[in-house]
Amino acid sequence: MTHDSFHIKESSTYKQLYESAKEKDQQHIIHPDEPIVVCRLNDIKENLEGDYGRVKIFYDTIYLHPESQVHAIAKCKILVDINRSLPDTVRSSYFDASMLVPVFNKYACGGIHFKYPDFNFFKGHNVENLVLVGEIVFRHETEKQILLESIHYLTEYTPIQLAITVVLPRHFYTGFRMQLILMHRDIEFDPEKRNLLISLLENGEKKIDECTKYDCPLNILEWKKNQSLAAMFNVKPIKVIEYSEDDFYQGNPIKFDIPGSIFDYSESIKITIEFETIQAIKLEWEKHTKRYP
């Protein structure tokens, strides 16, 4: 299922709620980087087949996340660099495109919906064969939400192998740094569960009656210290790449390896986020964080 743009049924109550949230952003009623509550999943009576637009859903609450220029530049330029880093044989078989991913919020009260990643890669001409997704985070999410978002991309309900999250600093006074979080699945994909999830969404269901409980911190530093925490969510220990101000002033790019097996490639693949990309992100970040402290 692919959507280049979001089309809500004209007669739906949700459309009114969605448009109202957009107006709050356009009229600057709310700080430009604050998530705007649209409604709760249970408030929606129409069958929208799980497509609620470019939103985030955490614990049954739907949030509109207005996209800043910082986010837009980071998303586009990082995707270009990842694409350029892939070997020619991979780029001839795997493609990036804007598409919807059916997601089950297994560890956040069971909500189900179609989600728009910031970027993704899929194999061949089968858009359901996603292997990698990426998210850019700037001010909108807590660390708990950052981790859960990646975890929910990697359940047995999706075929995704790797989730990459790029975290940008919230405030100018903290200085510029970047954090990349790589999370790999550690549970087999179940096509029957994916088909069930899609069927439920098409029938207008909002939740699966399952909310897996957990008793552990959802904190990036704690997950770095204690690698056993990831296993509780059926993912492999996370890899966190820190990019500091010193790295920036030395003109360093960001380099990291991903398993070639994600793309049916026999060797590991080195990904490079070019320094020019980081410069462009930092320039827009400085303008934005000075204007909106």
C-alpha atoms as a PDB file:
ATOM      1  CA  MET A   1       0.000   0.000   0.000  1.00  0.00           C
ATOM      2  CA  THR A   2       1.594   3.275  -1.091  1.00  0.00           C
ATOM      3  CA  HIS A   3       0.322   6.796  -0.663  1.00  0.00           C
ATOM      4  CA  ASP A   4       2.100   9.873  -2.014  1.00  0.00           C
ATOM      5  CA  SER A   5      -0.347  12.102  -0.167  1.00  0.00           C
ATOM      6  CA  PHE A   6      -2.951  11.689   2.515  1.00  0.00           C
ATOM      7  CA  HIS A   7      -6.608  11.725   1.475  1.00  0.00           C
ATOM      8  CA  ILE A   8      -9.181  11.583   4.296  1.00  0.00           C
ATOM      9  CA  LYS A   9     -12.805  10.892   3.489  1.00  0.00           C
ATOM     10  CA  GLU A  10     -14.496  14.266   3.051  1.00  0.00           C
ATOM     11  CA  SER A  11     -17.427  13.366   5.296  1.00  0.00           C
ATOM     12  CA  SER A  12     -15.394  11.967   8.158  1.00  0.00           C
ATOM     13  CA  THR A  13     -15.304  13.454  11.621  1.00  0.00           C
ATOM     14  CA  TYR A  14     -11.611  12.662  11.710  1.00  0.00           C
ATOM     15  CA  LYS A  15     -10.984  14.987   8.768  1.00  0.00           C
ATOM     16  CA  GLN A  16     -12.359  17.875  10.828  1.00  0.00           C
ATOM     17  CA  LEU A  17     -10.159  16.955  13.791  1.00  0.00           C
ATOM     18  CA  TYR A  18      -7.107  16.559  11.546  1.00  0.00           C
ATOM     19  CA  GLU A  19      -7.699  19.892   9.792  1.00  0.00           C
ATOM     20  CA  SER A  20      -8.242  21.601  13.156  1.00  0.00           C
ATOM     21  CA  ALA A  21      -4.859  20.337  14.351  1.00  0.00           C
ATOM     22  CA  LYS A  22      -3.235  21.609  11.146  1.00  0.00           C
ATOM     23  CA  GLU A  23      -4.804  25.029  11.660  1.00  0.00           C
ATOM     24  CA  LYS A  24      -3.309  25.262  15.143  1.00  0.00           C
ATOM     25  CA  ASP A  25       0.101  24.739  13.575  1.00  0.00           C
ATOM     26  CA  GLN A  26      -0.479  27.178  10.705  1.00  0.00           C
ATOM     27  CA  GLN A  27      -1.803  29.879  13.036  1.00  0.00           C
ATOM     28  CA  HIS A  28       1.125  29.351  15.439  1.00  0.00           C
ATOM     29  CA  ILE A  29      -1.270  28.742  18.328  1.00  0.00           C
ATOM     30  CA  ILE A  30       1.150  26.081  19.543  1.00  0.00           C
ATOM     31  CA  HIS A  31       4.961  26.200  19.605  1.00  0.00           C
ATOM     32  CA  PRO A  32       6.094  25.041  16.132  1.00  0.00           C
ATOM     33  CA  ASP A  33       7.952  22.010  17.513  1.00  0.00           C
ATOM     34  CA  GLU A  34       5.230  20.783  19.852  1.00  0.00           C
ATOM     35  CA  PRO A  35       3.211  17.668  18.909  1.00  0.00           C
ATOM     36  CA  ILE A  36      -0.459  18.568  18.459  1.00  0.00           C
ATOM     37  CA  VAL A  37      -3.092  16.164  19.760  1.00  0.00           C
ATOM     38  CA  VAL A  38      -5.604  15.262  17.025  1.00  0.00           C
ATOM     39  CA  CYS A  39      -7.749  12.827  19.019  1.00  0.00           C
ATOM     40  CA  ARG A  40      -7.703   9.345  20.512  1.00  0.00           C
ATOM     41  CA  LEU A  41      -8.075   6.241  18.374  1.00  0.00           C
ATOM     42  CA  ASN A  42     -11.337   5.356  20.080  1.00  0.00           C
ATOM     43  CA  ASP A  43     -12.794   8.735  19.072  1.00  0.00           C
ATOM     44  CA  ILE A  44     -12.785   7.692  15.410  1.00  0.00           C
ATOM     45  CA  LYS A  45     -16.036   5.987  14.421  1.00  0.00           C
ATOM     46  CA  GLU A  46     -15.457   5.852  10.643  1.00  0.00           C
ATOM     47  CA  ASN A  47     -13.489   3.170   8.856  1.00  0.00           C
ATOM     48  CA  LEU A  48     -10.413   4.993   7.563  1.00  0.00           C
ATOM     49  CA  GLU A  49      -8.580   1.698   6.949  1.00  0.00           C
ATOM     50  CA  GLY A  50      -5.850   2.666   9.400  1.00  0.00           C
ATOM     51  CA  ASP A  51      -4.589   5.697   7.441  1.00  0.00           C
ATOM     52  CA  TYR A  52      -4.597   8.721   9.749  1.00  0.00           C
ATOM     53  CA  GLY A  53      -2.102  10.843   7.814  1.00  0.00           C
ATOM     54  CA  ARG A  54       1.437  11.796   8.724  1.00  0.00           C
ATOM     55  CA  VAL A  55       0.954  11.395  12.448  1.00  0.00           C
ATOM     56  CA  LYS A  56       2.451   9.553  15.395  1.00  0.00           C
ATOM     57  CA  ILE A  57       0.363   7.295  17.618  1.00  0.00           C
ATOM     58  CA  PHE A  58       1.487   6.634  21.167  1.00  0.00           C
ATOM     59  CA  TYR A  59      -0.740   4.884  23.711  1.00  0.00           C
ATOM     60  CA  ASP A  60      -3.867   5.389  21.589  1.00  0.00           C
ATOM     61  CA  THR A  61      -3.378   9.154  21.185  1.00  0.00           C
ATOM     62  CA  ILE A  62      -2.894  10.520  17.666  1.00  0.00           C
ATOM     63  CA  TYR A  63      -0.429  13.399  17.374  1.00  0.00           C
ATOM     64  CA  LEU A  64       0.222  15.662  14.425  1.00  0.00           C
ATOM     65  CA  HIS A  65       3.940  16.363  14.144  1.00  0.00           C
ATOM     66  CA  PRO A  66       4.436  19.478  11.986  1.00  0.00           C
ATOM     67  CA  GLU A  67       7.613  19.119   9.947  1.00  0.00           C
ATOM     68  CA  SER A  68      10.247  21.795  10.472  1.00  0.00           C
ATOM     69  CA  GLN A  69      12.756  22.738   7.792  1.00  0.00           C
ATOM     70  CA  VAL A  70      15.438  21.127   9.972  1.00  0.00           C
ATOM     71  CA  HIS A  71      13.616  17.801   9.800  1.00  0.00           C
ATOM     72  CA  ALA A  72      12.922  18.106   6.060  1.00  0.00           C
ATOM     73  CA  ILE A  73      16.556  18.856   5.164  1.00  0.00           C
ATOM     74  CA  ALA A  74      17.925  16.095   7.399  1.00  0.00           C
ATOM     75  CA  LYS A  75      15.471  13.546   5.989  1.00  0.00           C
ATOM     76  CA  CYS A  76      16.222  14.284   2.338  1.00  0.00           C
ATOM     77  CA  LYS A  77      19.989  14.655   2.579  1.00  0.00           C
ATOM     78  CA  ILE A  78      20.577  11.627   4.805  1.00  0.00           C
ATOM     79  CA  LEU A  79      18.487   9.471   2.468  1.00  0.00           C
ATOM     80  CA  VAL A  80      20.599  10.624  -0.498  1.00  0.00           C
ATOM     81  CA  ASP A  81      23.823   9.743   1.353  1.00  0.00           C
ATOM     82  CA  ILE A  82      22.582   6.293   2.350  1.00  0.00           C
ATOM     83  CA  ASN A  83      21.510   5.637  -1.228  1.00  0.00           C
ATOM     84  CA  ARG A  84      24.911   6.718  -2.567  1.00  0.00           C
ATOM     85  CA  SER A  85      26.651   4.447  -0.057  1.00  0.00           C
ATOM     86  CA  LEU A  86      24.935   1.316  -1.334  1.00  0.00           C
ATOM     87  CA  PRO A  87      26.814  -0.812  -3.887  1.00  0.00           C
ATOM     88  CA  ASP A  88      25.577  -0.598  -7.474  1.00  0.00           C
ATOM     89  CA  THR A  89      24.248  -4.147  -7.383  1.00  0.00           C
ATOM     90  CA  VAL A  90      22.126  -3.286  -4.346  1.00  0.00           C
ATOM     91  CA  ARG A  91      20.795  -0.058  -5.861  1.00  0.00           C
ATOM     92  CA  SER A  92      19.715  -1.967  -8.943  1.00  0.00           C
ATOM     93  CA  SER A  93      17.469  -4.229  -6.830  1.00  0.00           C
ATOM     94  CA  TYR A  94      16.416  -2.100  -3.851  1.00  0.00           C
ATOM     95  CA  PHE A  95      14.592   1.205  -4.020  1.00  0.00           C
ATOM     96  CA  ASP A  96      13.455   4.011  -1.753  1.00  0.00           C
ATOM     97  CA  ALA A  97       9.934   5.432  -1.939  1.00  0.00           C
ATOM     98  CA  SER A  98       7.335   7.049   0.273  1.00  0.00           C
ATOM     99  CA  MET A  99       5.010   4.328   1.484  1.00  0.00           C
ATOM    100  CA  LEU A 100       2.786   3.252   4.323  1.00  0.00           C
ATOM    101  CA  VAL A 101       3.887   0.561   6.756  1.00  0.00           C
ATOM    102  CA  PRO A 102       1.273  -1.419   8.730  1.00  0.00           C
ATOM    103  CA  VAL A 103       2.331  -1.172  12.377  1.00  0.00           C
ATOM    104  CA  PHE A 104       1.150  -2.859  15.564  1.00  0.00           C
ATOM    105  CA  ASN A 105       2.004  -0.859  18.703  1.00  0.00           C
ATOM    106  CA  LYS A 106       2.571  -4.065  20.608  1.00  0.00           C
ATOM    107  CA  TYR A 107       4.198  -2.423  23.626  1.00  0.00           C
ATOM    108  CA  ALA A 108       1.987   0.682  23.697  1.00  0.00           C
ATOM    109  CA  CYS A 109      -1.531  -0.627  24.302  1.00  0.00           C
ATOM    110  CA  GLY A 110      -2.109  -2.428  21.023  1.00  0.00           C
ATOM    111  CA  GLY A 111      -3.060   0.352  18.600  1.00  0.00           C
ATOM    112  CA  ILE A 112      -2.752  -0.486  14.896  1.00  0.00           C
ATOM    113  CA  HIS A 113      -2.328   1.899  11.981  1.00  0.00           C
ATOM    114  CA  PHE A 114      -0.482   2.614   8.756  1.00  0.00           C
ATOM    115  CA  LYS A 115       2.632   4.674   9.371  1.00  0.00           C
ATOM    116  CA  TYR A 116       4.825   6.874   7.168  1.00  0.00           C
ATOM    117  CA  PRO A 117       8.552   6.400   7.911  1.00  0.00           C
ATOM    118  CA  ASP A 118      10.794   9.328   7.044  1.00  0.00           C
ATOM    119  CA  PHE A 119      12.611   7.079   4.561  1.00  0.00           C
ATOM    120  CA  ASN A 120      12.663   3.417   3.630  1.00  0.00           C
ATOM    121  CA  PHE A 121      14.045   0.809   1.234  1.00  0.00           C
ATOM    122  CA  PHE A 122      12.249  -2.140  -0.318  1.00  0.00           C
ATOM    123  CA  LYS A 123      13.229  -4.981  -2.616  1.00  0.00           C
ATOM    124  CA  GLY A 124      12.316  -5.175  -6.280  1.00  0.00           C
ATOM    125  CA  HIS A 125       8.889  -3.972  -7.306  1.00  0.00           C
ATOM    126  CA  ASN A 126       7.174  -5.415  -4.243  1.00  0.00           C
ATOM    127  CA  VAL A 127       6.494  -2.474  -1.940  1.00  0.00           C
ATOM    128  CA  GLU A 128       5.455  -4.873   0.814  1.00  0.00           C
ATOM    129  CA  ASN A 129       9.011  -6.223   0.965  1.00  0.00           C
ATOM    130  CA  LEU A 130      10.471  -3.494   3.160  1.00  0.00           C
ATOM    131  CA  VAL A 131      13.916  -4.112   4.604  1.00  0.00           C
ATOM    132  CA  LEU A 132      14.978  -0.782   6.152  1.00  0.00           C
ATOM    133  CA  VAL A 133      13.211   2.238   7.618  1.00  0.00           C
ATOM    134  CA  GLY A 134      14.551   5.507   8.994  1.00  0.00           C
ATOM    135  CA  GLU A 135      13.285   8.243  11.282  1.00  0.00           C
ATOM    136  CA  ILE A 136      14.595  11.743  11.980  1.00  0.00           C
ATOM    137  CA  VAL A 137      13.889  12.999  15.504  1.00  0.00           C
ATOM    138  CA  PHE A 138      13.988  16.684  16.357  1.00  0.00           C
ATOM    139  CA  ARG A 139      12.155  17.816  19.510  1.00  0.00           C
ATOM    140  CA  HIS A 140       8.991  15.743  19.017  1.00  0.00           C
ATOM    141  CA  GLU A 141       9.689  12.467  20.811  1.00  0.00           C
ATOM    142  CA  THR A 142      10.850  11.374  24.239  1.00  0.00           C
ATOM    143  CA  GLU A 143      13.525   8.674  24.510  1.00  0.00           C
ATOM    144  CA  LYS A 144      10.813   6.179  25.383  1.00  0.00           C
ATOM    145  CA  GLN A 145       8.939   7.044  22.201  1.00  0.00           C
ATOM    146  CA  ILE A 146      12.131   6.916  20.133  1.00  0.00           C
ATOM    147  CA  LEU A 147      12.868   3.355  21.234  1.00  0.00           C
ATOM    148  CA  LEU A 148       9.271   2.133  20.964  1.00  0.00           C
ATOM    149  CA  GLU A 149       8.931   3.530  17.456  1.00  0.00           C
ATOM    150  CA  SER A 150      11.848   1.408  16.227  1.00  0.00           C
ATOM    151  CA  ILE A 151      10.722  -1.628  18.226  1.00  0.00           C
ATOM    152  CA  HIS A 152       7.258  -1.503  16.627  1.00  0.00           C
ATOM    153  CA  TYR A 153       8.810  -1.462  13.158  1.00  0.00           C
ATOM    154  CA  LEU A 154      10.558  -4.741  14.009  1.00  0.00           C
ATOM    155  CA  THR A 155       7.835  -7.002  15.397  1.00  0.00           C
ATOM    156  CA  GLU A 156       6.792 -10.292  13.806  1.00  0.00           C
ATOM    157  CA  TYR A 157       4.098  -8.302  11.952  1.00  0.00           C
ATOM    158  CA  THR A 158       6.605  -6.547   9.656  1.00  0.00           C
ATOM    159  CA  PRO A 159       9.440  -7.763   7.389  1.00  0.00           C
ATOM    160  CA  ILE A 160      11.739  -4.814   8.221  1.00  0.00           C
ATOM    161  CA  GLN A 161      15.288  -5.824   9.143  1.00  0.00           C
ATOM    162  CA  LEU A 162      16.784  -2.564  10.357  1.00  0.00           C
ATOM    163  CA  ALA A 163      15.473   0.708  11.816  1.00  0.00           C
ATOM    164  CA  ILE A 164      17.772   3.744  11.794  1.00  0.00           C
ATOM    165  CA  THR A 165      16.937   6.731  13.978  1.00  0.00           C
ATOM    166  CA  VAL A 166      18.799  10.044  13.712  1.00  0.00           C
ATOM    167  CA  VAL A 167      18.380  12.248  16.790  1.00  0.00           C
ATOM    168  CA  LEU A 168      19.129  15.984  16.624  1.00  0.00           C
ATOM    169  CA  PRO A 169      19.611  18.168  19.726  1.00  0.00           C
ATOM    170  CA  ARG A 170      16.653  20.159  21.004  1.00  0.00           C
ATOM    171  CA  HIS A 171      18.336  23.407  22.039  1.00  0.00           C
ATOM    172  CA  PHE A 172      20.987  25.752  20.673  1.00  0.00           C
ATOM    173  CA  TYR A 173      22.651  26.205  24.064  1.00  0.00           C
ATOM    174  CA  THR A 174      23.535  22.490  24.284  1.00  0.00           C
ATOM    175  CA  GLY A 175      25.696  22.686  21.173  1.00  0.00           C
ATOM    176  CA  PHE A 176      25.350  20.662  18.006  1.00  0.00           C
ATOM    177  CA  ARG A 177      25.655  16.906  18.126  1.00  0.00           C
ATOM    178  CA  MET A 178      23.945  13.977  16.464  1.00  0.00           C
ATOM    179  CA  GLN A 179      23.025  10.531  17.654  1.00  0.00           C
ATOM    180  CA  LEU A 180      22.331   7.579  15.372  1.00  0.00           C
ATOM    181  CA  ILE A 181      20.556   4.529  16.779  1.00  0.00           C
ATOM    182  CA  LEU A 182      20.624   1.281  14.820  1.00  0.00           C
ATOM    183  CA  MET A 183      18.132  -1.398  15.845  1.00  0.00           C
ATOM    184  CA  HIS A 184      17.899  -4.869  14.248  1.00  0.00           C
ATOM    185  CA  ARG A 185      15.072  -7.356  14.560  1.00  0.00           C
ATOM    186  CA  ASP A 186      15.655 -10.591  16.489  1.00  0.00           C
ATOM    187  CA  ILE A 187      12.382 -12.373  15.771  1.00  0.00           C
ATOM    188  CA  GLU A 188      11.150 -14.078  12.619  1.00  0.00           C
ATOM    189  CA  PHE A 189       8.761 -12.193  10.409  1.00  0.00           C
ATOM    190  CA  ASP A 190       5.374 -13.947  10.177  1.00  0.00           C
ATOM    191  CA  PRO A 191       3.602 -13.192   6.850  1.00  0.00           C
ATOM    192  CA  GLU A 192       0.311 -14.541   8.218  1.00  0.00           C
ATOM    193  CA  LYS A 193       0.395 -12.007  11.060  1.00  0.00           C
ATOM    194  CA  ARG A 194       1.169  -9.213   8.608  1.00  0.00           C
ATOM    195  CA  ASN A 195      -1.786 -10.275   6.458  1.00  0.00           C
ATOM    196  CA  LEU A 196      -4.006 -10.396   9.545  1.00  0.00           C
ATOM    197  CA  LEU A 197      -2.878  -6.909  10.541  1.00  0.00           C
ATOM    198  CA  ILE A 198      -3.652  -5.500   7.088  1.00  0.00           C
ATOM    199  CA  SER A 199      -7.042  -7.221   7.061  1.00  0.00           C
ATOM    200  CA  LEU A 200      -7.933  -5.750  10.471  1.00  0.00           C
ATOM    201  CA  LEU A 201      -6.911  -2.271   9.311  1.00  0.00           C
ATOM    202  CA  GLU A 202      -8.949  -2.534   6.111  1.00  0.00           C
ATOM    203  CA  ASN A 203     -11.967  -3.559   8.212  1.00  0.00           C
ATOM    204  CA  GLY A 204     -11.620  -0.440  10.347  1.00  0.00           C
ATOM    205  CA  GLU A 205     -10.226  -2.046  13.493  1.00  0.00           C
ATOM    206  CA  LYS A 206      -8.246   0.303  15.751  1.00  0.00           C
ATOM    207  CA  LYS A 207      -6.543  -2.140  18.108  1.00  0.00           C
ATOM    208  CA  ILE A 208      -5.439  -5.710  18.579  1.00  0.00           C
ATOM    209  CA  ASP A 209      -6.487  -7.082  21.958  1.00  0.00           C
ATOM    210  CA  GLU A 210      -2.942  -7.525  23.120  1.00  0.00           C
ATOM    211  CA  CYS A 211      -0.764  -5.133  25.059  1.00  0.00           C
ATOM    212  CA  THR A 212       2.491  -6.753  26.070  1.00  0.00           C
ATOM    213  CA  LYS A 213       3.665  -5.446  29.416  1.00  0.00           C
ATOM    214  CA  TYR A 214       7.312  -4.771  30.208  1.00  0.00           C
ATOM    215  CA  ASP A 215       9.253  -3.803  33.283  1.00  0.00           C
ATOM    216  CA  CYS A 216      12.470  -2.145  32.203  1.00  0.00           C
ATOM    217  CA  PRO A 217      13.743   1.360  31.436  1.00  0.00           C
ATOM    218  CA  LEU A 218      13.209   2.743  27.948  1.00  0.00           C
ATOM    219  CA  ASN A 219      16.251   4.956  28.036  1.00  0.00           C
ATOM    220  CA  ILE A 220      18.987   5.052  25.402  1.00  0.00           C
ATOM    221  CA  LEU A 221      21.848   5.286  27.902  1.00  0.00           C
ATOM    222  CA  GLU A 222      20.492   2.358  29.924  1.00  0.00           C
ATOM    223  CA  TRP A 223      20.131   0.289  26.750  1.00  0.00           C
ATOM    224  CA  LYS A 224      23.754   1.051  25.858  1.00  0.00           C
ATOM    225  CA  LYS A 225      24.929  -0.043  29.321  1.00  0.00           C
ATOM    226  CA  ASN A 226      22.746  -3.147  29.578  1.00  0.00           C
ATOM    227  CA  GLN A 227      22.536  -4.948  26.253  1.00  0.00           C
ATOM    228  CA  SER A 228      20.213  -7.613  27.646  1.00  0.00           C
ATOM    229  CA  LEU A 229      17.323  -5.118  27.744  1.00  0.00           C
ATOM    230  CA  ALA A 230      16.809  -5.287  23.984  1.00  0.00           C
ATOM    231  CA  ALA A 231      16.059  -9.022  24.129  1.00  0.00           C
ATOM    232  CA  MET A 232      12.902  -8.292  26.138  1.00  0.00           C
ATOM    233  CA  PHE A 233      11.491  -6.684  22.977  1.00  0.00           C
ATOM    234  CA  ASN A 234      12.795  -9.264  20.481  1.00  0.00           C
ATOM    235  CA  VAL A 235      15.419  -6.930  19.026  1.00  0.00           C
ATOM    236  CA  LYS A 236      19.196  -7.177  19.036  1.00  0.00           C
ATOM    237  CA  PRO A 237      21.350  -4.925  21.254  1.00  0.00           C
ATOM    238  CA  ILE A 238      21.251  -1.431  19.828  1.00  0.00           C
ATOM    239  CA  LYS A 239      24.227   0.328  18.312  1.00  0.00           C
ATOM    240  CA  VAL A 240      24.496   4.023  19.183  1.00  0.00           C
ATOM    241  CA  ILE A 241      26.799   6.308  17.181  1.00  0.00           C
ATOM    242  CA  GLU A 242      27.623   9.632  18.807  1.00  0.00           C
ATOM    243  CA  TYR A 243      28.653  12.604  16.676  1.00  0.00           C
ATOM    244  CA  SER A 244      30.063  15.466  18.760  1.00  0.00           C
ATOM    245  CA  GLU A 245      30.875  19.130  18.230  1.00  0.00           C
ATOM    246  CA  ASP A 246      34.548  18.129  18.061  1.00  0.00           C
ATOM    247  CA  ASP A 247      33.712  15.771  15.194  1.00  0.00           C
ATOM    248  CA  PHE A 248      32.021  18.648  13.399  1.00  0.00           C
ATOM    249  CA  TYR A 249      34.901  21.095  13.857  1.00  0.00           C
ATOM    250  CA  GLN A 250      37.304  18.446  12.565  1.00  0.00           C
ATOM    251  CA  GLY A 251      35.163  18.087   9.441  1.00  0.00           C
ATOM    252  CA  ASN A 252      34.370  14.420  10.084  1.00  0.00           C
ATOM    253  CA  PRO A 253      31.604  12.566   8.269  1.00  0.00           C
ATOM    254  CA  ILE A 254      29.565   9.879  10.041  1.00  0.00           C
ATOM    255  CA  LYS A 255      30.494   6.336   9.043  1.00  0.00           C
ATOM    256  CA  PHE A 256      28.946   3.066  10.142  1.00  0.00           C
ATOM    257  CA  ASP A 257      28.504  -0.480   8.850  1.00  0.00           C
ATOM    258  CA  ILE A 258      25.262  -2.351   8.267  1.00  0.00           C
ATOM    259  CA  PRO A 259      24.976  -6.067   7.457  1.00  0.00           C
ATOM    260  CA  GLY A 260      24.959  -6.716   3.718  1.00  0.00           C
ATOM    261  CA  SER A 261      22.493  -9.537   4.337  1.00  0.00           C
ATOM    262  CA  ILE A 262      19.749  -6.912   4.712  1.00  0.00           C
ATOM    263  CA  PHE A 263      20.128  -6.322   0.973  1.00  0.00           C
ATOM    264  CA  ASP A 264      21.104  -9.883  -0.040  1.00  0.00           C
ATOM    265  CA  TYR A 265      24.698  -8.694  -0.305  1.00  0.00           C
ATOM    266  CA  SER A 266      27.608 -10.902   0.754  1.00  0.00           C
ATOM    267  CA  GLU A 267      29.689  -8.263   2.572  1.00  0.00           C
ATOM    268  CA  SER A 268      28.982  -5.601   5.160  1.00  0.00           C
ATOM    269  CA  ILE A 269      28.107  -2.184   3.706  1.00  0.00           C
ATOM    270  CA  LYS A 270      29.729   1.022   4.914  1.00  0.00           C
ATOM    271  CA  ILE A 271      27.302   3.923   5.085  1.00  0.00           C
ATOM    272  CA  THR A 272      28.699   7.467   4.987  1.00  0.00           C
ATOM    273  CA  ILE A 273      26.772  10.570   5.981  1.00  0.00           C
ATOM    274  CA  GLU A 274      28.867  13.217   4.273  1.00  0.00           C
ATOM    275  CA  PHE A 275      30.228  16.220   6.151  1.00  0.00           C
ATOM    276  CA  GLU A 276      28.490  18.527   3.654  1.00  0.00           C
ATOM    277  CA  THR A 277      25.184  16.962   4.688  1.00  0.00           C
ATOM    278  CA  ILE A 278      25.948  17.524   8.361  1.00  0.00           C
ATOM    279  CA  GLN A 279      26.919  21.151   7.613  1.00  0.00           C
ATOM    280  CA  ALA A 280      23.580  21.767   5.876  1.00  0.00           C
ATOM    281  CA  ILE A 281      21.651  20.230   8.772  1.00  0.00           C
ATOM    282  CA  LYS A 282      23.606  22.238  11.355  1.00  0.00           C
ATOM    283  CA  LEU A 283      23.075  25.517   9.476  1.00  0.00           C
ATOM    284  CA  GLU A 284      19.285  25.045   9.431  1.00  0.00           C
ATOM    285  CA  TRP A 285      19.311  23.724  13.012  1.00  0.00           C
ATOM    286  CA  GLU A 286      21.116  26.860  14.233  1.00  0.00           C
ATOM    287  CA  LYS A 287      18.602  29.162  12.524  1.00  0.00           C
ATOM    288  CA  HIS A 288      15.653  27.236  13.904  1.00  0.00           C
ATOM    289  CA  THR A 289      16.869  26.796  17.487  1.00  0.00           C
ATOM    290  CA  LYS A 290      17.815  30.496  17.731  1.00  0.00           C
ATOM    291  CA  ARG A 291      14.389  31.538  16.500  1.00  0.00           C
ATOM    292  CA  TYR A 292      12.506  28.965  18.607  1.00  0.00           C
ATOM    293  CA  PRO A 293      14.572  28.339  21.775  1.00  0.00           C
END
